[in-house]
C-alpha atoms as a PDB file:
ATOM      1  CA  MET A   1      -9.723   3.422 -11.036  1.00  0.00           C
ATOM      2  CA  ALA A   2      -6.374   4.528  -9.931  1.00  0.00           C
ATOM      3  CA  GLN A   3      -3.816   4.753 -12.456  1.00  0.00           C
ATOM      4  CA  ALA A   4      -0.397   3.088 -11.311  1.00  0.00           C
ATOM      5  CA  THR A   5       3.161   4.400 -12.514  1.00  0.00           C
ATOM      6  CA  THR A   6       6.340   1.658 -12.506  1.00  0.00           C
ATOM      7  CA  SER A   7       8.240   0.565 -10.057  1.00  0.00           C
ATOM      8  CA  LEU A   8      12.219   1.069  -9.907  1.00  0.00           C
ATOM      9  CA  ARG A   9      12.829  -2.103 -10.883  1.00  0.00           C
ATOM     10  CA  ARG A  10      10.924  -2.001 -14.098  1.00  0.00           C
ATOM     11  CA  ARG A  11      12.462   1.193 -14.785  1.00  0.00           C
ATOM     12  CA  ARG A  12      15.924  -0.553 -13.961  1.00  0.00           C
ATOM     13  CA  SER A  13      16.816   2.226 -11.847  1.00  0.00           C
ATOM     14  CA  GLU A  14      20.064   1.849  -9.911  1.00  0.00           C
ATOM     15  CA  LEU A  15      17.975   2.848  -7.030  1.00  0.00           C
ATOM     16  CA  ALA A  16      16.184  -0.616  -7.443  1.00  0.00           C
ATOM     17  CA  ASP A  17      19.292  -2.653  -5.705  1.00  0.00           C
ATOM     18  CA  PRO A  18      19.021  -1.797  -2.043  1.00  0.00           C
ATOM     19  CA  GLY A  19      22.572  -1.607  -1.996  1.00  0.00           C
ATOM     20  CA  VAL A  20      23.075   1.474  -4.138  1.00  0.00           C
ATOM     21  CA  GLN A  21      20.291   2.686  -1.929  1.00  0.00           C
ATOM     22  CA  LEU A  22      22.536   2.262   1.061  1.00  0.00           C
ATOM     23  CA  THR A  23      25.616   4.016  -0.211  1.00  0.00           C
ATOM     24  CA  VAL A  24      23.740   6.821  -0.849  1.00  0.00           C
ATOM     25  CA  LEU A  25      22.427   7.148   2.830  1.00  0.00           C
ATOM     26  CA  ASN A  26      25.924   6.319   4.028  1.00  0.00           C
ATOM     27  CA  THR A  27      27.451   9.298   1.660  1.00  0.00           C
ATOM     28  CA  PRO A  28      28.399  11.663   4.652  1.00  0.00           C
ATOM     29  CA  SER A  29      29.376  14.486   2.218  1.00  0.00           C
ATOM     30  CA  VAL A  30      25.737  15.513   1.404  1.00  0.00           C
ATOM     31  CA  PHE A  31      25.282  16.424   4.771  1.00  0.00           C
ATOM     32  CA  SER A  32      25.409  20.338   6.096  1.00  0.00           C
ATOM     33  CA  GLY A  33      27.863  19.970   8.595  1.00  0.00           C
ATOM     34  CA  LYS A  34      26.089  17.669  11.259  1.00  0.00           C
ATOM     35  CA  THR A  35      26.587  14.585  12.255  1.00  0.00           C
ATOM     36  CA  ALA A  36      25.274  11.598   9.542  1.00  0.00           C
ATOM     37  CA  ASP A  37      26.232   8.719  12.294  1.00  0.00           C
ATOM     38  CA  PHE A  38      23.227   7.338  13.687  1.00  0.00           C
ATOM     39  CA  VAL A  39      24.815   4.595  16.099  1.00  0.00           C
ATOM     40  CA  GLY A  40      26.966   7.709  17.120  1.00  0.00           C
ATOM     41  CA  THR A  41      23.704  10.002  17.789  1.00  0.00           C
ATOM     42  CA  LEU A  42      22.836   6.959  19.826  1.00  0.00           C
ATOM     43  CA  ARG A  43      26.289   6.615  21.762  1.00  0.00           C
ATOM     44  CA  THR A  44      26.034  10.832  22.367  1.00  0.00           C
ATOM     45  CA  HIS A  45      22.517  10.178  24.528  1.00  0.00           C
ATOM     46  CA  GLY A  46      23.324   6.767  26.288  1.00  0.00           C
ATOM     47  CA  LEU A  47      21.136   5.079  23.636  1.00  0.00           C
ATOM     48  CA  LEU A  48      23.429   1.933  23.428  1.00  0.00           C
ATOM     49  CA  PRO A  49      22.960  -0.620  23.328  1.00  0.00           C
ATOM     50  CA  LEU A  50      19.950  -0.775  20.740  1.00  0.00           C
ATOM     51  CA  VAL A  51      18.270  -4.457  21.567  1.00  0.00           C
ATOM     52  CA  THR A  52      15.393  -5.812  21.102  1.00  0.00           C
ATOM     53  CA  THR A  53      12.479  -6.387  23.779  1.00  0.00           C
ATOM     54  CA  ARG A  54       9.601  -8.991  23.873  1.00  0.00           C
ATOM     55  CA  ILE A  55       8.578  -9.657  20.349  1.00  0.00           C
ATOM     56  CA  ASP A  56       4.650  -8.927  20.731  1.00  0.00           C
ATOM     57  CA  VAL A  57       4.069  -8.276  16.717  1.00  0.00           C
ATOM     58  CA  LEU A  58       5.275 -10.353  13.518  1.00  0.00           C
ATOM     59  CA  GLN A  59       5.028  -8.491  10.501  1.00  0.00           C
ATOM     60  CA  VAL A  60       4.475 -10.374   7.357  1.00  0.00           C
ATOM     61  CA  ASN A  61       5.269  -9.034   4.124  1.00  0.00           C
ATOM     62  CA  LEU A  62       3.533 -11.582   1.270  1.00  0.00           C
ATOM     63  CA  GLY A  63       5.029  -9.685  -1.579  1.00  0.00           C
ATOM     64  CA  LYS A  64       5.638  -6.986  -3.719  1.00  0.00           C
ATOM     65  CA  MET A  65       2.777  -6.787  -6.233  1.00  0.00           C
ATOM     66  CA  CYS A  66       0.453  -4.155  -5.896  1.00  0.00           C
ATOM     67  CA  ASN A  67      -2.696  -2.702  -7.770  1.00  0.00           C
ATOM     68  CA  GLN A  68      -0.586   0.745  -7.290  1.00  0.00           C
ATOM     69  CA  ALA A  69       3.016   2.161  -7.152  1.00  0.00           C
ATOM     70  CA  CYS A  70       2.925   5.540  -5.243  1.00  0.00           C
ATOM     71  CA  THR A  71       5.594   7.650  -5.683  1.00  0.00           C
ATOM     72  CA  HIS A  72       6.668   7.427  -1.942  1.00  0.00           C
ATOM     73  CA  CYS A  73       6.427   3.624  -1.885  1.00  0.00           C
ATOM     74  CA  HIS A  74       9.463   2.281   0.431  1.00  0.00           C
ATOM     75  CA  VAL A  75       8.518  -1.184  -0.771  1.00  0.00           C
ATOM     76  CA  ASP A  76       9.040  -0.363  -4.798  1.00  0.00           C
ATOM     77  CA  ALA A  77       5.822  -2.290  -4.737  1.00  0.00           C
ATOM     78  CA  GLY A  78       3.591  -2.117  -8.175  1.00  0.00           C
ATOM     79  CA  PRO A  79       1.734  -4.221 -10.750  1.00  0.00           C
ATOM     80  CA  ASP A  80       4.930  -5.059 -12.383  1.00  0.00           C
ATOM     81  CA  ARG A  81       6.143  -6.786  -9.275  1.00  0.00           C
ATOM     82  CA  ILE A  82       5.652 -10.683  -9.003  1.00  0.00           C
ATOM     83  CA  GLU A  83       7.449 -11.501  -5.944  1.00  0.00           C
ATOM     84  CA  MET A  84       4.698 -13.393  -3.342  1.00  0.00           C
ATOM     85  CA  MET A  85       5.772 -15.717  -0.204  1.00  0.00           C
ATOM     86  CA  SER A  86       5.805 -19.228  -1.308  1.00  0.00           C
ATOM     87  CA  ALA A  87       3.446 -21.811   0.927  1.00  0.00           C
ATOM     88  CA  GLU A  88       6.124 -23.225   2.706  1.00  0.00           C
ATOM     89  CA  VAL A  89       7.201 -19.346   3.900  1.00  0.00           C
ATOM     90  CA  LEU A  90       3.646 -19.097   5.086  1.00  0.00           C
ATOM     91  CA  ASN A  91       3.500 -22.591   7.404  1.00  0.00           C
ATOM     92  CA  SER A  92       6.754 -21.210   8.253  1.00  0.00           C
ATOM     93  CA  CYS A  93       4.814 -17.910   9.719  1.00  0.00           C
ATOM     94  CA  LEU A  94       2.359 -19.696  11.204  1.00  0.00           C
ATOM     95  CA  GLN A  95       4.683 -21.965  13.088  1.00  0.00           C
ATOM     96  CA  ALA A  96       6.664 -19.178  14.408  1.00  0.00           C
ATOM     97  CA  VAL A  97       2.976 -17.398  15.381  1.00  0.00           C
ATOM     98  CA  ASP A  98       2.940 -20.785  17.481  1.00  0.00           C
ATOM     99  CA  THR A  99       6.698 -20.850  18.736  1.00  0.00           C
ATOM    100  CA  LEU A 100       6.900 -17.131  19.892  1.00  0.00           C
ATOM    101  CA  SER A 101       3.740 -16.699  21.286  1.00  0.00           C
ATOM    102  CA  VAL A 102       3.038 -13.429  19.193  1.00  0.00           C
ATOM    103  CA  ARG A 103      -0.037 -10.985  20.326  1.00  0.00           C
ATOM    104  CA  THR A 104      -0.370  -9.671  16.757  1.00  0.00           C
ATOM    105  CA  VAL A 105       0.221 -10.522  13.531  1.00  0.00           C
ATOM    106  CA  ASP A 106       0.713  -7.408  10.926  1.00  0.00           C
ATOM    107  CA  ILE A 107      -0.034  -8.694   7.247  1.00  0.00           C
ATOM    108  CA  THR A 108       1.202  -6.162   4.713  1.00  0.00           C
ATOM    109  CA  GLY A 109       2.798  -6.088   0.946  1.00  0.00           C
ATOM    110  CA  GLY A 110       2.310  -4.797  -1.992  1.00  0.00           C
ATOM    111  CA  ALA A 111      -1.280  -5.086  -1.503  1.00  0.00           C
ATOM    112  CA  PRO A 112      -1.691  -7.844   0.852  1.00  0.00           C
ATOM    113  CA  GLU A 113      -5.182  -9.385  -0.481  1.00  0.00           C
ATOM    114  CA  MET A 114      -3.425 -10.266  -4.060  1.00  0.00           C
ATOM    115  CA  HIS A 115      -1.562 -13.091  -2.766  1.00  0.00           C
ATOM    116  CA  PRO A 116      -3.703 -16.122  -3.273  1.00  0.00           C
ATOM    117  CA  ASP A 117      -3.129 -17.778   0.112  1.00  0.00           C
ATOM    118  CA  PHE A 118      -4.498 -14.871   1.745  1.00  0.00           C
ATOM    119  CA  ARG A 119      -7.623 -15.588   2.760  1.00  0.00           C
ATOM    120  CA  TRP A 120      -6.137 -18.720   3.822  1.00  0.00           C
ATOM    121  CA  PHE A 121      -3.898 -17.297   5.792  1.00  0.00           C
ATOM    122  CA  VAL A 122      -5.949 -14.699   7.707  1.00  0.00           C
ATOM    123  CA  ASP A 123      -8.206 -17.664   8.930  1.00  0.00           C
ATOM    124  CA  GLU A 124      -5.172 -19.709  10.067  1.00  0.00           C
ATOM    125  CA  LEU A 125      -4.336 -17.004  12.118  1.00  0.00           C
ATOM    126  CA  VAL A 126      -7.883 -16.162  13.245  1.00  0.00           C
ATOM    127  CA  GLY A 127      -7.833 -19.425  14.507  1.00  0.00           C
ATOM    128  CA  ARG A 128      -4.746 -18.938  16.558  1.00  0.00           C
ATOM    129  CA  GLY A 129      -6.571 -16.533  18.356  1.00  0.00           C
ATOM    130  CA  VAL A 130      -4.384 -14.100  17.741  1.00  0.00           C
ATOM    131  CA  ASP A 131      -5.101 -10.103  16.843  1.00  0.00           C
ATOM    132  CA  VAL A 132      -4.900  -9.721  13.078  1.00  0.00           C
ATOM    133  CA  MET A 133      -4.050  -6.356  11.086  1.00  0.00           C
ATOM    134  CA  VAL A 134      -3.910  -5.881   7.760  1.00  0.00           C
ATOM    135  CA  ARG A 135      -2.611  -3.243   5.710  1.00  0.00           C
ATOM    136  CA  CYS A 136      -4.988  -2.201   3.134  1.00  0.00           C
ATOM    137  CA  ASN A 137      -4.570   0.534   0.750  1.00  0.00           C
ATOM    138  CA  LEU A 138      -8.401   0.752   0.136  1.00  0.00           C
ATOM    139  CA  THR A 139      -8.314   0.720  -3.882  1.00  0.00           C
ATOM    140  CA  ILE A 140      -7.923  -2.598  -4.087  1.00  0.00           C
ATOM    141  CA  ILE A 141     -11.461  -3.256  -2.300  1.00  0.00           C
ATOM    142  CA  VAL A 142     -12.791  -1.336  -5.788  1.00  0.00           C
ATOM    143  CA  ALA A 143      -9.963  -2.862  -8.291  1.00  0.00           C
ATOM    144  CA  ASN A 144     -11.668  -5.594  -8.880  1.00  0.00           C
ATOM    145  CA  PRO A 145     -15.059  -7.643  -8.233  1.00  0.00           C
ATOM    146  CA  LYS A 146     -12.691 -10.256  -6.571  1.00  0.00           C
ATOM    147  CA  TYR A 147     -11.931  -7.902  -4.155  1.00  0.00           C
ATOM    148  CA  HIS A 148     -15.157  -6.293  -3.286  1.00  0.00           C
ATOM    149  CA  ASP A 149     -15.900  -8.617  -0.479  1.00  0.00           C
ATOM    150  CA  LEU A 150     -13.491  -8.154   1.343  1.00  0.00           C
ATOM    151  CA  PRO A 151     -15.140  -5.820   4.039  1.00  0.00           C
ATOM    152  CA  THR A 152     -17.449  -8.288   4.913  1.00  0.00           C
ATOM    153  CA  PHE A 153     -14.720 -10.996   5.060  1.00  0.00           C
ATOM    154  CA  TYR A 154     -12.604  -8.466   7.248  1.00  0.00           C
ATOM    155  CA  ALA A 155     -15.640  -8.165   9.466  1.00  0.00           C
ATOM    156  CA  GLU A 156     -16.423 -11.428  10.210  1.00  0.00           C
ATOM    157  CA  ARG A 157     -12.789 -12.312  11.106  1.00  0.00           C
ATOM    158  CA  ARG A 158     -12.784  -8.665  13.368  1.00  0.00           C
ATOM    159  CA  VAL A 159      -9.528  -7.823  11.345  1.00  0.00           C
ATOM    160  CA  HIS A 160      -8.128  -4.733  12.382  1.00  0.00           C
ATOM    161  CA  VAL A 161      -7.990  -2.557   8.823  1.00  0.00           C
ATOM    162  CA  VAL A 162      -5.511  -0.029   8.525  1.00  0.00           C
ATOM    163  CA  SER A 163      -5.358   1.795   5.331  1.00  0.00           C
ATOM    164  CA  SER A 164      -3.131   4.514   3.800  1.00  0.00           C
ATOM    165  CA  LEU A 165      -4.829   7.928   3.289  1.00  0.00           C
ATOM    166  CA  PRO A 166      -2.007  10.703   3.026  1.00  0.00           C
ATOM    167  CA  CYS A 167      -4.526  12.823   2.592  1.00  0.00           C
ATOM    168  CA  TYR A 168      -8.297  14.214   2.993  1.00  0.00           C
ATOM    169  CA  THR A 169      -8.138  16.387  -0.578  1.00  0.00           C
ATOM    170  CA  GLU A 170      -8.294  14.766  -3.803  1.00  0.00           C
ATOM    171  CA  GLU A 171      -5.581  16.594  -4.950  1.00  0.00           C
ATOM    172  CA  ASN A 172      -2.387  15.561  -2.706  1.00  0.00           C
ATOM    173  CA  VAL A 173      -3.614  12.259  -2.525  1.00  0.00           C
ATOM    174  CA  ASP A 174      -3.838  11.330  -6.695  1.00  0.00           C
ATOM    175  CA  ARG A 175      -0.275  12.984  -6.728  1.00  0.00           C
ATOM    176  CA  GLN A 176       1.163  10.448  -3.878  1.00  0.00           C
ATOM    177  CA  ARG A 177      -0.633   7.555  -5.362  1.00  0.00           C
ATOM    178  CA  GLY A 178      -1.990   7.865  -9.326  1.00  0.00           C
ATOM    179  CA  ALA A 179      -5.214   9.439 -10.620  1.00  0.00           C
ATOM    180  CA  GLY A 180      -8.585   8.300  -9.200  1.00  0.00           C
ATOM    181  CA  ALA A 181      -7.110   6.773  -5.997  1.00  0.00           C
ATOM    182  CA  PHE A 182      -8.786   9.413  -3.823  1.00  0.00           C
ATOM    183  CA  GLU A 183     -11.550   8.601  -5.458  1.00  0.00           C
ATOM    184  CA  ASP A 184     -11.509   4.752  -5.199  1.00  0.00           C
ATOM    185  CA  SER A 185     -10.219   5.159  -1.529  1.00  0.00           C
ATOM    186  CA  ILE A 186     -13.599   7.068  -0.081  1.00  0.00           C
ATOM    187  CA  ALA A 187     -15.847   4.651  -1.890  1.00  0.00           C
ATOM    188  CA  ALA A 188     -13.500   1.917  -0.036  1.00  0.00           C
ATOM    189  CA  LEU A 189     -14.006   3.144   3.082  1.00  0.00           C
ATOM    190  CA  LYS A 190     -17.658   3.771   2.341  1.00  0.00           C
ATOM    191  CA  LEU A 191     -17.733   0.112   2.227  1.00  0.00           C
ATOM    192  CA  LEU A 192     -15.488  -0.483   5.449  1.00  0.00           C
ATOM    193  CA  ASN A 193     -18.570   1.737   7.138  1.00  0.00           C
ATOM    194  CA  THR A 194     -21.177  -0.222   6.425  1.00  0.00           C
ATOM    195  CA  ALA A 195     -19.211  -3.528   7.206  1.00  0.00           C
ATOM    196  CA  GLY A 196     -19.462  -2.052  10.656  1.00  0.00           C
ATOM    197  CA  TYR A 197     -15.978  -0.877  10.892  1.00  0.00           C
ATOM    198  CA  GLY A 198     -14.777   2.701  12.273  1.00  0.00           C
ATOM    199  CA  ASP A 199     -18.684   2.734  14.823  1.00  0.00           C
ATOM    200  CA  PRO A 200     -16.914   2.714  17.905  1.00  0.00           C
ATOM    201  CA  SER A 201     -20.339   0.228  19.091  1.00  0.00           C
ATOM    202  CA  THR A 202     -18.899  -2.001  16.451  1.00  0.00           C
ATOM    203  CA  GLY A 203     -15.299  -2.428  18.103  1.00  0.00           C
ATOM    204  CA  LEU A 204     -14.152  -3.157  14.233  1.00  0.00           C
ATOM    205  CA  LYS A 205     -11.103  -0.888  14.204  1.00  0.00           C
ATOM    206  CA  LEU A 206     -10.212   1.153  10.926  1.00  0.00           C
ATOM    207  CA  ASP A 207      -7.148   3.074  11.070  1.00  0.00           C
ATOM    208  CA  LEU A 208      -5.837   5.885   8.669  1.00  0.00           C
ATOM    209  CA  VAL A 209      -1.972   6.410   7.695  1.00  0.00           C
ATOM    210  CA  TYR A 210      -0.887   9.657   6.848  1.00  0.00           C
ATOM    211  CA  ASN A 211       2.604  10.748   5.661  1.00  0.00           C
ATOM    212  CA  PRO A 212       3.379  13.708   4.307  1.00  0.00           C
ATOM    213  CA  GLY A 213       3.677  15.017   0.157  1.00  0.00           C
ATOM    214  CA  GLY A 214       7.148  16.157   0.390  1.00  0.00           C
ATOM    215  CA  ALA A 215      10.489  16.465   2.072  1.00  0.00           C
ATOM    216  CA  SER A 216       9.217  17.612   6.018  1.00  0.00           C
ATOM    217  CA  LEU A 217       7.881  16.353   8.762  1.00  0.00           C
ATOM    218  CA  PRO A 218       4.438  15.281   9.757  1.00  0.00           C
ATOM    219  CA  GLY A 219       2.176  17.449  11.876  1.00  0.00           C
ATOM    220  CA  PRO A 220       0.671  16.694  15.243  1.00  0.00           C
ATOM    221  CA  GLN A 221      -0.595  13.189  15.263  1.00  0.00           C
ATOM    222  CA  SER A 222      -3.913  14.553  17.358  1.00  0.00           C
ATOM    223  CA  ALA A 223      -4.513  17.918  15.437  1.00  0.00           C
ATOM    224  CA  LEU A 224      -4.638  15.824  12.165  1.00  0.00           C
ATOM    225  CA  ARG A 225      -6.584  13.164  13.247  1.00  0.00           C
ATOM    226  CA  ALA A 226      -9.485  16.172  14.390  1.00  0.00           C
ATOM    227  CA  ASP A 227      -9.114  17.602  10.810  1.00  0.00           C
ATOM    228  CA  TYR A 228      -9.554  14.303   9.091  1.00  0.00           C
ATOM    229  CA  ALA A 229     -12.150  13.407  11.047  1.00  0.00           C
ATOM    230  CA  ARG A 230     -13.986  16.825  10.495  1.00  0.00           C
ATOM    231  CA  ILE A 231     -13.385  16.586   6.348  1.00  0.00           C
ATOM    232  CA  LEU A 232     -13.996  13.027   5.861  1.00  0.00           C
ATOM    233  CA  HIS A 233     -17.107  13.205   7.738  1.00  0.00           C
ATOM    234  CA  GLU A 234     -18.484  16.252   6.724  1.00  0.00           C
ATOM    235  CA  GLU A 235     -17.736  15.781   3.022  1.00  0.00           C
ATOM    236  CA  HIS A 236     -17.824  12.122   2.407  1.00  0.00           C
ATOM    237  CA  GLY A 237     -20.021  10.779   5.466  1.00  0.00           C
ATOM    238  CA  ILE A 238     -17.047   8.496   6.398  1.00  0.00           C
ATOM    239  CA  ILE A 239     -15.871   7.818  10.205  1.00  0.00           C
ATOM    240  CA  PHE A 240     -12.907   5.763  11.586  1.00  0.00           C
ATOM    241  CA  ASN A 241     -11.108   5.298  14.586  1.00  0.00           C
ATOM    242  CA  ASP A 242      -7.745   6.093  14.736  1.00  0.00           C
ATOM    243  CA  LEU A 243      -4.649   8.476  12.434  1.00  0.00           C
ATOM    244  CA  HIS A 244      -1.057   7.160  12.272  1.00  0.00           C
ATOM    245  CA  CYS A 245       1.239   9.840  11.099  1.00  0.00           C
ATOM    246  CA  MET A 246       4.496   8.410   9.510  1.00  0.00           C
ATOM    247  CA  THR A 247       7.188  10.145   8.318  1.00  0.00           C
ATOM    248  CA  ASN A 248       8.411   9.392   5.166  1.00  0.00           C
ATOM    249  CA  LEU A 249      11.784   7.352   5.248  1.00  0.00           C
ATOM    250  CA  PRO A 250      14.449   7.900   2.559  1.00  0.00           C
ATOM    251  CA  ILE A 251      14.366   4.737   0.821  1.00  0.00           C
ATOM    252  CA  ALA A 252      13.124   3.516  -2.649  1.00  0.00           C
ATOM    253  CA  ARG A 253      10.754   5.251  -4.539  1.00  0.00           C
ATOM    254  CA  PHE A 254      10.947   8.267  -2.017  1.00  0.00           C
ATOM    255  CA  LEU A 255      14.844   8.313  -2.250  1.00  0.00           C
ATOM    256  CA  GLU A 256      14.535   8.842  -5.880  1.00  0.00           C
ATOM    257  CA  ASP A 257      12.245  11.788  -5.551  1.00  0.00           C
ATOM    258  CA  LEU A 258      14.538  13.438  -3.080  1.00  0.00           C
ATOM    259  CA  ILE A 259      17.365  13.186  -5.386  1.00  0.00           C
ATOM    260  CA  GLN A 260      15.460  13.686  -8.519  1.00  0.00           C
ATOM    261  CA  SER A 261      14.337  17.347  -6.695  1.00  0.00           C
ATOM    262  CA  GLY A 262      17.740  18.198  -5.465  1.00  0.00           C
ATOM    263  CA  ARG A 263      16.567  18.110  -1.787  1.00  0.00           C
ATOM    264  CA  TYR A 264      17.482  14.643  -0.655  1.00  0.00           C
ATOM    265  CA  ALA A 265      20.594  16.935   1.808  1.00  0.00           C
ATOM    266  CA  GLU A 266      17.929  19.025   3.472  1.00  0.00           C
ATOM    267  CA  TYR A 267      15.796  16.188   4.063  1.00  0.00           C
ATOM    268  CA  MET A 268      18.267  14.194   5.782  1.00  0.00           C
ATOM    269  CA  ASP A 269      19.576  17.068   7.563  1.00  0.00           C
ATOM    270  CA  LEU A 270      15.880  17.900   8.840  1.00  0.00           C
ATOM    271  CA  LEU A 271      15.877  13.993   9.859  1.00  0.00           C
ATOM    272  CA  VAL A 272      19.243  14.198  11.760  1.00  0.00           C
ATOM    273  CA  GLY A 273      18.321  18.047  13.101  1.00  0.00           C
ATOM    274  CA  THR A 274      15.613  16.852  15.294  1.00  0.00           C
ATOM    275  CA  PHE A 275      16.557  13.661  16.316  1.00  0.00           C
ATOM    276  CA  ASN A 276      14.540  12.475  19.147  1.00  0.00           C
ATOM    277  CA  ALA A 277      15.827  10.605  21.818  1.00  0.00           C
ATOM    278  CA  ALA A 278      12.514  10.354  23.269  1.00  0.00           C
ATOM    279  CA  SER A 279      11.176   8.250  20.680  1.00  0.00           C
ATOM    280  CA  VAL A 280      13.847   5.140  21.077  1.00  0.00           C
ATOM    281  CA  ASP A 281      12.516   3.094  23.714  1.00  0.00           C
ATOM    282  CA  ARG A 282       9.431   3.068  21.563  1.00  0.00           C
ATOM    283  CA  LEU A 283      11.108   2.530  17.903  1.00  0.00           C
ATOM    284  CA  MET A 284       8.581  -0.436  16.672  1.00  0.00           C
ATOM    285  CA  CYS A 285      11.988  -2.530  15.878  1.00  0.00           C
ATOM    286  CA  ARG A 286      12.282  -3.271  19.791  1.00  0.00           C
ATOM    287  CA  ASN A 287       9.359  -5.439  19.932  1.00  0.00           C
ATOM    288  CA  THR A 288       8.404  -6.527  16.150  1.00  0.00           C
ATOM    289  CA  LEU A 289       9.811  -9.153  14.022  1.00  0.00           C
ATOM    290  CA  SER A 290       9.684  -8.376  10.041  1.00  0.00           C
ATOM    291  CA  VAL A 291       9.387 -11.096   7.622  1.00  0.00           C
ATOM    292  CA  GLY A 292      10.218 -10.615   3.957  1.00  0.00           C
ATOM    293  CA  TRP A 293       8.498 -12.885   1.264  1.00  0.00           C
ATOM    294  CA  ASP A 294      11.425 -14.515   0.816  1.00  0.00           C
ATOM    295  CA  GLY A 295      11.437 -15.977   4.701  1.00  0.00           C
ATOM    296  CA  MET A 296      14.201 -13.896   5.728  1.00  0.00           C
ATOM    297  CA  LEU A 297      14.345 -11.790   8.969  1.00  0.00           C
ATOM    298  CA  HIS A 298      13.932  -8.586   9.669  1.00  0.00           C
ATOM    299  CA  ASP A 299      13.958  -5.839  12.721  1.00  0.00           C
ATOM    300  CA  CYS A 300      11.392  -3.624  10.675  1.00  0.00           C
ATOM    301  CA  ASP A 301      10.070  -2.809   7.210  1.00  0.00           C
ATOM    302  CA  PHE A 302      12.148  -0.715   6.456  1.00  0.00           C
ATOM    303  CA  ASN A 303      15.062  -2.310   6.635  1.00  0.00           C
ATOM    304  CA  GLN A 304      13.592  -5.291   4.968  1.00  0.00           C
ATOM    305  CA  MET A 305      13.436  -3.322   2.205  1.00  0.00           C
ATOM    306  CA  LEU A 306      16.977  -2.500   2.324  1.00  0.00           C
ATOM    307  CA  GLU A 307      17.978  -6.266   2.686  1.00  0.00           C
ATOM    308  CA  LEU A 308      19.172  -5.825   6.328  1.00  0.00           C
ATOM    309  CA  THR A 309      18.842  -8.692   8.101  1.00  0.00           C
ATOM    310  CA  VAL A 310      18.490  -9.530  11.939  1.00  0.00           C
ATOM    311  CA  SER A 311      21.475  -9.894  13.727  1.00  0.00           C
ATOM    312  CA  GLY A 312      22.743 -13.187  14.832  1.00  0.00           C
ATOM    313  CA  PRO A 313      23.237 -16.957  13.527  1.00  0.00           C
ATOM    314  CA  THR A 314      19.187 -16.967  12.616  1.00  0.00           C
ATOM    315  CA  ARG A 315      18.070 -15.240   9.754  1.00  0.00           C
ATOM    316  CA  HIS A 316      15.317 -17.411   8.257  1.00  0.00           C
ATOM    317  CA  ILE A 317      11.376 -17.427   9.747  1.00  0.00           C
ATOM    318  CA  ARG A 318      12.021 -21.398   9.170  1.00  0.00           C
ATOM    319  CA  ASP A 319      14.421 -21.254  12.167  1.00  0.00           C
ATOM    320  CA  ALA A 320      12.257 -19.125  14.507  1.00  0.00           C
ATOM    321  CA  ALA A 321      12.594 -21.685  17.353  1.00  0.00           C
ATOM    322  CA  SER A 322      16.240 -20.914  18.109  1.00  0.00           C
ATOM    323  CA  LEU A 323      15.814 -16.835  17.133  1.00  0.00           C
ATOM    324  CA  LEU A 324      16.867 -14.610  20.022  1.00  0.00           C
ATOM    325  CA  THR A 325      14.161 -12.652  20.478  1.00  0.00           C
ATOM    326  CA  GLU A 326      14.547 -10.461  23.755  1.00  0.00           C
ATOM    327  CA  GLY A 327      18.018  -8.813  24.186  1.00  0.00           C
ATOM    328  CA  ARG A 328      19.235  -9.177  20.429  1.00  0.00           C
ATOM    329  CA  PRO A 329      20.936  -5.665  18.925  1.00  0.00           C
ATOM    330  CA  ILE A 330      18.846  -4.262  16.599  1.00  0.00           C
ATOM    331  CA  VAL A 331      20.278  -3.537  13.048  1.00  0.00           C
ATOM    332  CA  THR A 332      20.585   0.318  12.248  1.00  0.00           C
ATOM    333  CA  ALA A 333      21.592   2.566   9.438  1.00  0.00           C
ATOM    334  CA  GLN A 334      21.202   6.264   8.290  1.00  0.00           C
ATOM    335  CA  HIS A 335      17.503   5.723   7.302  1.00  0.00           C
ATOM    336  CA  CYS A 336      16.723   5.045  11.160  1.00  0.00           C
ATOM    337  CA  TYR A 337      16.718   8.947  11.578  1.00  0.00           C
ATOM    338  CA  GLY A 338      13.594   8.774   9.897  1.00  0.00           C
ATOM    339  CA  CYS A 339      11.849   6.866  12.607  1.00  0.00           C
ATOM    340  CA  THR A 340      13.328   9.057  15.485  1.00  0.00           C
ATOM    341  CA  ALA A 341      13.120  12.604  13.745  1.00  0.00           C
ATOM    342  CA  GLY A 342      10.125  14.756  15.564  1.00  0.00           C
ATOM    343  CA  ALA A 343       7.788  13.477  17.217  1.00  0.00           C
ATOM    344  CA  GLY A 344       9.080  10.436  15.873  1.00  0.00           C
ATOM    345  CA  SER A 345       7.655   7.271  13.662  1.00  0.00           C
ATOM    346  CA  SER A 346       6.536   3.712  13.615  1.00  0.00           C
ATOM    347  CA  CYS A 347       3.956   2.034  11.620  1.00  0.00           C
ATOM    348  CA  GLY A 348       1.656   2.869  15.002  1.00  0.00           C
ATOM    349  CA  GLY A 349       2.372   6.537  14.472  1.00  0.00           C
ATOM    350  CA  GLN A 350       4.168   9.101  16.270  1.00  0.00           C
ATOM    351  CA  LEU A 351       5.813   7.887  19.154  1.00  0.00           C
ATOM    352  CA  ALA A 352       6.695  10.883  21.503  1.00  0.00           C
END
């Protein structure tokens, strides 16, 4: 079974405080002369104001509890985290789905399946006719017998499964996610395939997520997808639909790793120096509303982890009916360079 480390919170690291992370990100002295002002960069390229379009996706973080504690986790999730969304907030999310007429609900965590009301919530969403996406870490499926039926549960409800598999080699996956993570992930993928996932004839979508193991940008998504498809099929008989390449953002445990390895300034220079203006129109913050486990609203999952709430008077999901959706100024900070570097990055993969 996959072994977990511990969260920043459990270790009482000062980086467990989002305010400390923002202080680090906003310290220009660590950079090598390149501008570190994200808003200034947007202004230089004529990309202000950065505002929301129609909200198509409601991303709901059910909590920070997880059976793993990956080294790159921007949520700082782990087995020692107990934060979980209340029944009241879950119902407010359902009301918001009705009010905002969102097309997709993206359920994430932690391991969202560990929430006691997870299956009820999925069924409520399916009954509303929205597309349901679950970000499954794979290892949860084999972690405990009570999760072994998840592939069947997902298939019966035609849930879109998006799963992290940061490499197709055991060494690289276990380095990021803990010893045994690769073996468990492969076992879970085989169960999902058996349930019909990844087979174009079934329409059951199984996407994988790649992120680099260190202070570098992802390679071209199409080429990596071809490598994943070939190697996973040849060596394990696994099939999947798409591969999403995501850039590691310099927050939480990946920020800690950058600082400890002495590569923080180098990595930020890389992000700033490869800013891609073509990615901005497709940033996920423009059409996504992110809901924290406490019900607070954010422009994206990364802002959520830094406790940067949306602009305007409406800050909680219970008040979603009064939320300004289109044209709301998006809250940004220096970590936003991670989504605009190179080919761009979002929860759905590369952008440009």
